[in-house]
Amino acid sequence: QVDLLESGGGLVQSGGSLRLSCTTSRSIFSIANAMAWYRQPPGKQRELVATISNRNSINYADSVRGRFTISRDNAKSTWYLQMNSLKPEDTAVYFCNADFYFGEKWGQGTQVTVSP
């Protein structure tokens, strides 16, 4: 059973843009404390990219601040990661995450590849 469904990854040239989406059920979305995006570059550990709370408090990793934007659409039970000015070092598998009082849920991951 997949609770969080991601889409939007792909191959893009350096300087390009992509938008990732993560959709879940209304019941899951309504009880989440926060939503986030993580990424795992090749051969490296998973790292936090951006978070947005249920009160719309937003935080970004230093490496993406000013280039990436996290947002949410409550009516669609979806959150997004708009990625602009992409760099080869942004290449990674990107995962969406939802945090609850009882734990967390993860998406299956979507590959983002940025060519030089």
N, C-alpha and C. Protein backbone atom coordinates (compact mmCIF):
# COMPACT_ATOMS: atom_id res chain seq x y z
N GLN A 1 0.84 -1.19 0.00
CA GLN A 1 0.00 0.00 0.00
C GLN A 1 0.88 1.24 0.00
N VAL A 2 0.63 2.13 -0.97
CA VAL A 2 1.39 3.35 -1.08
C VAL A 2 0.53 4.49 -0.55
N ASP A 3 0.96 5.09 0.57
CA ASP A 3 0.19 6.18 1.16
C ASP A 3 0.54 7.53 0.57
N LEU A 4 1.80 7.70 0.15
CA LEU A 4 2.27 8.94 -0.42
C LEU A 4 2.72 8.65 -1.85
N LEU A 5 2.14 9.32 -2.81
CA LEU A 5 2.44 9.09 -4.21
C LEU A 5 3.14 10.30 -4.81
N GLU A 6 4.37 10.08 -5.25
CA GLU A 6 5.17 11.18 -5.81
C GLU A 6 5.11 11.17 -7.33
N SER A 7 5.36 12.35 -7.88
CA SER A 7 5.49 12.48 -9.32
C SER A 7 6.32 13.71 -9.64
N GLY A 8 6.82 13.78 -10.87
CA GLY A 8 7.48 14.99 -11.33
C GLY A 8 8.98 14.92 -11.53
N GLY A 9 9.59 13.81 -11.18
CA GLY A 9 11.03 13.71 -11.39
C GLY A 9 11.37 13.58 -12.86
N GLY A 10 12.67 13.62 -13.15
CA GLY A 10 13.09 13.47 -14.54
C GLY A 10 14.49 13.97 -14.75
N LEU A 11 14.83 14.13 -16.02
CA LEU A 11 16.14 14.60 -16.43
C LEU A 11 16.01 16.04 -16.92
N VAL A 12 16.90 16.90 -16.44
CA VAL A 12 16.86 18.31 -16.82
C VAL A 12 18.28 18.83 -16.93
N GLN A 13 18.48 19.83 -17.76
CA GLN A 13 19.80 20.43 -17.87
C GLN A 13 20.05 21.41 -16.73
N SER A 14 21.30 21.64 -16.46
CA SER A 14 21.68 22.61 -15.44
C SER A 14 21.03 23.96 -15.72
N GLY A 15 20.45 24.55 -14.68
CA GLY A 15 19.75 25.81 -14.82
C GLY A 15 18.26 25.66 -15.06
N GLY A 16 17.82 24.44 -15.31
CA GLY A 16 16.42 24.17 -15.57
C GLY A 16 15.59 24.05 -14.31
N SER A 17 14.32 23.70 -14.51
CA SER A 17 13.37 23.62 -13.41
C SER A 17 12.57 22.33 -13.48
N LEU A 18 12.15 21.87 -12.33
CA LEU A 18 11.23 20.75 -12.20
C LEU A 18 10.32 21.03 -11.02
N ARG A 19 9.13 20.44 -11.05
CA ARG A 19 8.24 20.50 -9.90
C ARG A 19 7.85 19.09 -9.49
N LEU A 20 8.11 18.78 -8.24
CA LEU A 20 7.72 17.50 -7.67
C LEU A 20 6.40 17.66 -6.94
N SER A 21 5.59 16.61 -6.99
CA SER A 21 4.32 16.59 -6.28
C SER A 21 4.23 15.35 -5.42
N CYS A 22 3.56 15.47 -4.30
CA CYS A 22 3.32 14.33 -3.42
C CYS A 22 1.86 14.39 -3.01
N THR A 23 1.11 13.37 -3.36
CA THR A 23 -0.31 13.32 -3.09
C THR A 23 -0.63 12.19 -2.12
N THR A 24 -1.56 12.46 -1.23
CA THR A 24 -1.99 11.44 -0.30
C THR A 24 -3.50 11.54 -0.12
N SER A 25 -4.03 10.71 0.75
CA SER A 25 -5.47 10.76 1.01
C SER A 25 -5.80 11.94 1.90
N ARG A 26 -7.03 12.36 1.84
CA ARG A 26 -7.46 13.48 2.68
C ARG A 26 -7.32 13.13 4.16
N SER A 27 -7.59 11.90 4.52
CA SER A 27 -7.52 11.50 5.93
C SER A 27 -6.09 11.56 6.46
N ILE A 28 -5.14 11.16 5.63
CA ILE A 28 -3.73 11.24 6.03
C ILE A 28 -3.26 12.68 6.06
N PHE A 29 -3.61 13.43 5.03
CA PHE A 29 -3.17 14.82 4.93
C PHE A 29 -3.67 15.64 6.11
N SER A 30 -4.89 15.38 6.54
CA SER A 30 -5.50 16.23 7.58
C SER A 30 -4.88 16.04 8.95
N ILE A 31 -4.21 14.92 9.20
CA ILE A 31 -3.64 14.68 10.53
C ILE A 31 -2.12 14.83 10.55
N ALA A 32 -1.53 15.17 9.42
CA ALA A 32 -0.08 15.34 9.39
C ALA A 32 0.33 16.63 10.09
N ASN A 33 1.38 16.56 10.88
CA ASN A 33 1.93 17.75 11.54
C ASN A 33 2.74 18.59 10.58
N ALA A 34 3.41 17.91 9.66
CA ALA A 34 4.27 18.60 8.71
C ALA A 34 4.52 17.71 7.52
N MET A 35 4.83 18.34 6.41
CA MET A 35 5.24 17.64 5.20
C MET A 35 6.64 18.08 4.84
N ALA A 36 7.36 17.21 4.17
CA ALA A 36 8.74 17.54 3.86
C ALA A 36 9.19 16.85 2.57
N TRP A 37 10.31 17.33 2.10
CA TRP A 37 11.03 16.68 1.01
C TRP A 37 12.44 16.38 1.47
N TYR A 38 12.88 15.17 1.21
CA TYR A 38 14.25 14.74 1.45
C TYR A 38 14.84 14.32 0.11
N ARG A 39 16.16 14.18 0.11
CA ARG A 39 16.81 13.64 -1.08
C ARG A 39 18.01 12.79 -0.69
N GLN A 40 18.35 11.87 -1.55
CA GLN A 40 19.50 11.01 -1.32
C GLN A 40 20.36 11.00 -2.57
N PRO A 41 21.44 11.76 -2.56
CA PRO A 41 22.35 11.77 -3.72
C PRO A 41 23.04 10.42 -3.85
N PRO A 42 23.58 10.11 -5.01
CA PRO A 42 24.25 8.82 -5.21
C PRO A 42 25.40 8.64 -4.22
N GLY A 43 25.39 7.53 -3.52
CA GLY A 43 26.46 7.20 -2.58
C GLY A 43 26.46 8.00 -1.30
N LYS A 44 25.41 8.77 -1.06
CA LYS A 44 25.36 9.60 0.15
C LYS A 44 24.12 9.28 0.97
N GLN A 45 24.08 9.86 2.16
CA GLN A 45 22.94 9.64 3.04
C GLN A 45 21.77 10.55 2.65
N ARG A 46 20.62 10.15 3.08
CA ARG A 46 19.43 10.96 2.85
C ARG A 46 19.53 12.26 3.65
N GLU A 47 19.12 13.36 3.03
CA GLU A 47 19.20 14.65 3.68
C GLU A 47 17.90 15.42 3.52
N LEU A 48 17.62 16.28 4.49
CA LEU A 48 16.42 17.09 4.47
C LEU A 48 16.60 18.24 3.48
N VAL A 49 15.56 18.47 2.66
CA VAL A 49 15.59 19.56 1.69
C VAL A 49 14.72 20.72 2.15
N ALA A 50 13.47 20.42 2.52
CA ALA A 50 12.54 21.49 2.90
C ALA A 50 11.40 20.90 3.70
N THR A 51 10.84 21.71 4.59
CA THR A 51 9.69 21.30 5.38
C THR A 51 8.64 22.40 5.38
N ILE A 52 7.38 21.98 5.51
CA ILE A 52 6.27 22.92 5.68
C ILE A 52 5.32 22.32 6.71
N SER A 53 5.03 23.09 7.74
CA SER A 53 4.18 22.58 8.80
C SER A 53 2.71 22.80 8.47
N ASN A 54 1.85 22.24 9.32
CA ASN A 54 0.42 22.44 9.09
C ASN A 54 0.00 23.87 9.40
N ARG A 55 0.92 24.68 9.93
CA ARG A 55 0.68 26.10 10.12
C ARG A 55 1.47 26.93 9.12
N ASN A 56 1.98 26.24 8.07
CA ASN A 56 2.72 26.90 6.98
C ASN A 56 4.04 27.51 7.41
N SER A 57 4.63 26.98 8.46
CA SER A 57 6.00 27.35 8.80
C SER A 57 6.93 26.57 7.88
N ILE A 58 7.85 27.28 7.24
CA ILE A 58 8.68 26.68 6.19
C ILE A 58 10.16 26.81 6.53
N ASN A 59 10.90 25.75 6.23
CA ASN A 59 12.35 25.77 6.40
C ASN A 59 13.00 25.08 5.21
N TYR A 60 14.21 25.55 4.89
CA TYR A 60 14.97 25.00 3.77
C TYR A 60 16.38 24.67 4.20
N ALA A 61 16.95 23.67 3.54
CA ALA A 61 18.38 23.43 3.66
C ALA A 61 19.12 24.59 3.02
N ASP A 62 20.28 24.91 3.57
CA ASP A 62 21.05 26.04 3.04
C ASP A 62 21.37 25.85 1.55
N SER A 63 21.56 24.63 1.15
CA SER A 63 21.99 24.34 -0.22
C SER A 63 20.91 24.63 -1.27
N VAL A 64 19.65 24.74 -0.84
CA VAL A 64 18.57 24.96 -1.80
C VAL A 64 17.82 26.27 -1.58
N ARG A 65 18.11 26.94 -0.47
CA ARG A 65 17.36 28.17 -0.15
C ARG A 65 17.56 29.20 -1.27
N GLY A 66 16.44 29.77 -1.69
CA GLY A 66 16.48 30.75 -2.78
C GLY A 66 16.26 30.14 -4.15
N ARG A 67 16.38 28.82 -4.24
CA ARG A 67 16.17 28.13 -5.52
C ARG A 67 14.95 27.22 -5.50
N PHE A 68 14.68 26.61 -4.35
CA PHE A 68 13.57 25.68 -4.22
C PHE A 68 12.45 26.33 -3.40
N THR A 69 11.21 25.93 -3.69
CA THR A 69 10.07 26.42 -2.93
C THR A 69 9.15 25.25 -2.61
N ILE A 70 8.86 25.09 -1.33
CA ILE A 70 7.91 24.08 -0.90
C ILE A 70 6.57 24.75 -0.68
N SER A 71 5.50 24.05 -1.05
CA SER A 71 4.16 24.59 -0.87
C SER A 71 3.19 23.43 -0.70
N ARG A 72 1.97 23.77 -0.33
CA ARG A 72 0.95 22.76 -0.12
C ARG A 72 -0.39 23.25 -0.64
N ASP A 73 -1.20 22.32 -1.10
CA ASP A 73 -2.56 22.62 -1.54
C ASP A 73 -3.49 21.74 -0.72
N ASN A 74 -4.09 22.33 0.29
CA ASN A 74 -4.93 21.55 1.20
C ASN A 74 -6.13 20.93 0.48
N ALA A 75 -6.66 21.64 -0.50
CA ALA A 75 -7.83 21.13 -1.21
C ALA A 75 -7.51 19.87 -2.01
N LYS A 76 -6.25 19.73 -2.41
CA LYS A 76 -5.83 18.57 -3.20
C LYS A 76 -5.06 17.55 -2.38
N SER A 77 -4.86 17.82 -1.10
CA SER A 77 -4.09 16.91 -0.24
C SER A 77 -2.73 16.63 -0.86
N THR A 78 -2.09 17.67 -1.31
CA THR A 78 -0.84 17.54 -2.08
C THR A 78 0.15 18.60 -1.62
N TRP A 79 1.40 18.25 -1.62
CA TRP A 79 2.45 19.25 -1.43
C TRP A 79 3.46 19.14 -2.56
N TYR A 80 4.17 20.25 -2.75
CA TYR A 80 5.01 20.39 -3.94
C TYR A 80 6.42 20.84 -3.56
N LEU A 81 7.31 20.59 -4.48
CA LEU A 81 8.66 21.17 -4.39
C LEU A 81 8.98 21.73 -5.76
N GLN A 82 8.94 23.04 -5.86
CA GLN A 82 9.35 23.71 -7.10
C GLN A 82 10.85 23.92 -7.04
N MET A 83 11.54 23.38 -8.02
CA MET A 83 13.01 23.44 -8.04
C MET A 83 13.46 24.24 -9.26
N ASN A 84 14.07 25.37 -9.01
CA ASN A 84 14.58 26.24 -10.07
C ASN A 84 16.10 26.31 -10.00
N SER A 85 16.69 26.78 -11.07
CA SER A 85 18.15 26.94 -11.15
C SER A 85 18.85 25.66 -10.70
N LEU A 86 18.40 24.56 -11.22
CA LEU A 86 18.94 23.26 -10.80
C LEU A 86 20.41 23.12 -11.17
N LYS A 87 21.13 22.43 -10.31
CA LYS A 87 22.56 22.20 -10.48
C LYS A 87 22.83 20.69 -10.52
N PRO A 88 23.93 20.28 -11.13
CA PRO A 88 24.24 18.84 -11.14
C PRO A 88 24.28 18.23 -9.73
N GLU A 89 24.68 19.00 -8.74
CA GLU A 89 24.74 18.47 -7.38
C GLU A 89 23.36 18.29 -6.76
N ASP A 90 22.31 18.72 -7.44
CA ASP A 90 20.94 18.44 -6.99
C ASP A 90 20.48 17.05 -7.42
N THR A 91 21.28 16.38 -8.23
CA THR A 91 20.94 15.03 -8.67
C THR A 91 20.78 14.11 -7.47
N ALA A 92 19.64 13.45 -7.38
CA ALA A 92 19.33 12.60 -6.23
C ALA A 92 17.99 11.92 -6.44
N VAL A 93 17.72 10.96 -5.58
CA VAL A 93 16.36 10.45 -5.45
C VAL A 93 15.67 11.32 -4.40
N TYR A 94 14.54 11.87 -4.77
CA TYR A 94 13.80 12.75 -3.87
C TYR A 94 12.61 12.00 -3.27
N PHE A 95 12.45 12.16 -1.96
CA PHE A 95 11.40 11.47 -1.22
C PHE A 95 10.50 12.49 -0.54
N CYS A 96 9.21 12.29 -0.61
CA CYS A 96 8.33 13.10 0.21
C CYS A 96 8.10 12.38 1.53
N ASN A 97 7.78 13.16 2.53
CA ASN A 97 7.65 12.66 3.90
C ASN A 97 6.52 13.40 4.59
N ALA A 98 5.78 12.67 5.40
CA ALA A 98 4.75 13.28 6.23
C ALA A 98 4.97 12.83 7.66
N ASP A 99 4.90 13.79 8.56
CA ASP A 99 5.17 13.53 9.97
C ASP A 99 3.87 13.56 10.77
N PHE A 100 3.68 12.56 11.63
CA PHE A 100 2.49 12.44 12.45
C PHE A 100 2.89 12.24 13.90
N TYR A 101 1.92 12.34 14.80
CA TYR A 101 2.22 12.16 16.22
C TYR A 101 2.64 10.72 16.49
N PHE A 102 2.25 9.78 15.60
CA PHE A 102 2.56 8.37 15.81
C PHE A 102 3.74 7.89 14.98
N GLY A 103 4.34 8.77 14.20
CA GLY A 103 5.45 8.35 13.35
C GLY A 103 5.49 9.14 12.06
N GLU A 104 5.94 8.49 11.00
CA GLU A 104 6.06 9.18 9.73
C GLU A 104 5.80 8.21 8.57
N LYS A 105 5.50 8.78 7.42
CA LYS A 105 5.31 8.00 6.20
C LYS A 105 6.19 8.58 5.11
N TRP A 106 6.59 7.71 4.19
CA TRP A 106 7.49 8.09 3.11
C TRP A 106 6.89 7.73 1.75
N GLY A 107 7.22 8.57 0.77
CA GLY A 107 6.92 8.21 -0.60
C GLY A 107 7.96 7.22 -1.12
N GLN A 108 7.73 6.74 -2.33
CA GLN A 108 8.59 5.71 -2.90
C GLN A 108 9.87 6.29 -3.50
N GLY A 109 9.91 7.57 -3.69
CA GLY A 109 11.09 8.22 -4.26
C GLY A 109 10.94 8.46 -5.75
N THR A 110 11.48 9.58 -6.20
CA THR A 110 11.48 9.89 -7.62
C THR A 110 12.86 10.44 -8.00
N GLN A 111 13.38 9.97 -9.11
CA GLN A 111 14.73 10.35 -9.52
C GLN A 111 14.74 11.71 -10.20
N VAL A 112 15.66 12.56 -9.75
CA VAL A 112 15.93 13.84 -10.40
C VAL A 112 17.39 13.82 -10.84
N THR A 113 17.60 14.00 -12.12
CA THR A 113 18.95 14.03 -12.67
C THR A 113 19.17 15.34 -13.39
N VAL A 114 20.23 16.05 -12.99
CA VAL A 114 20.56 17.34 -13.59
C VAL A 114 21.87 17.17 -14.35
N SER A 115 21.82 17.35 -15.65
CA SER A 115 23.02 17.21 -16.47
C SER A 115 23.76 18.54 -16.55
N PRO A 116 25.10 18.49 -16.69
CA PRO A 116 25.90 19.72 -16.74
C PRO A 116 25.54 20.60 -17.94
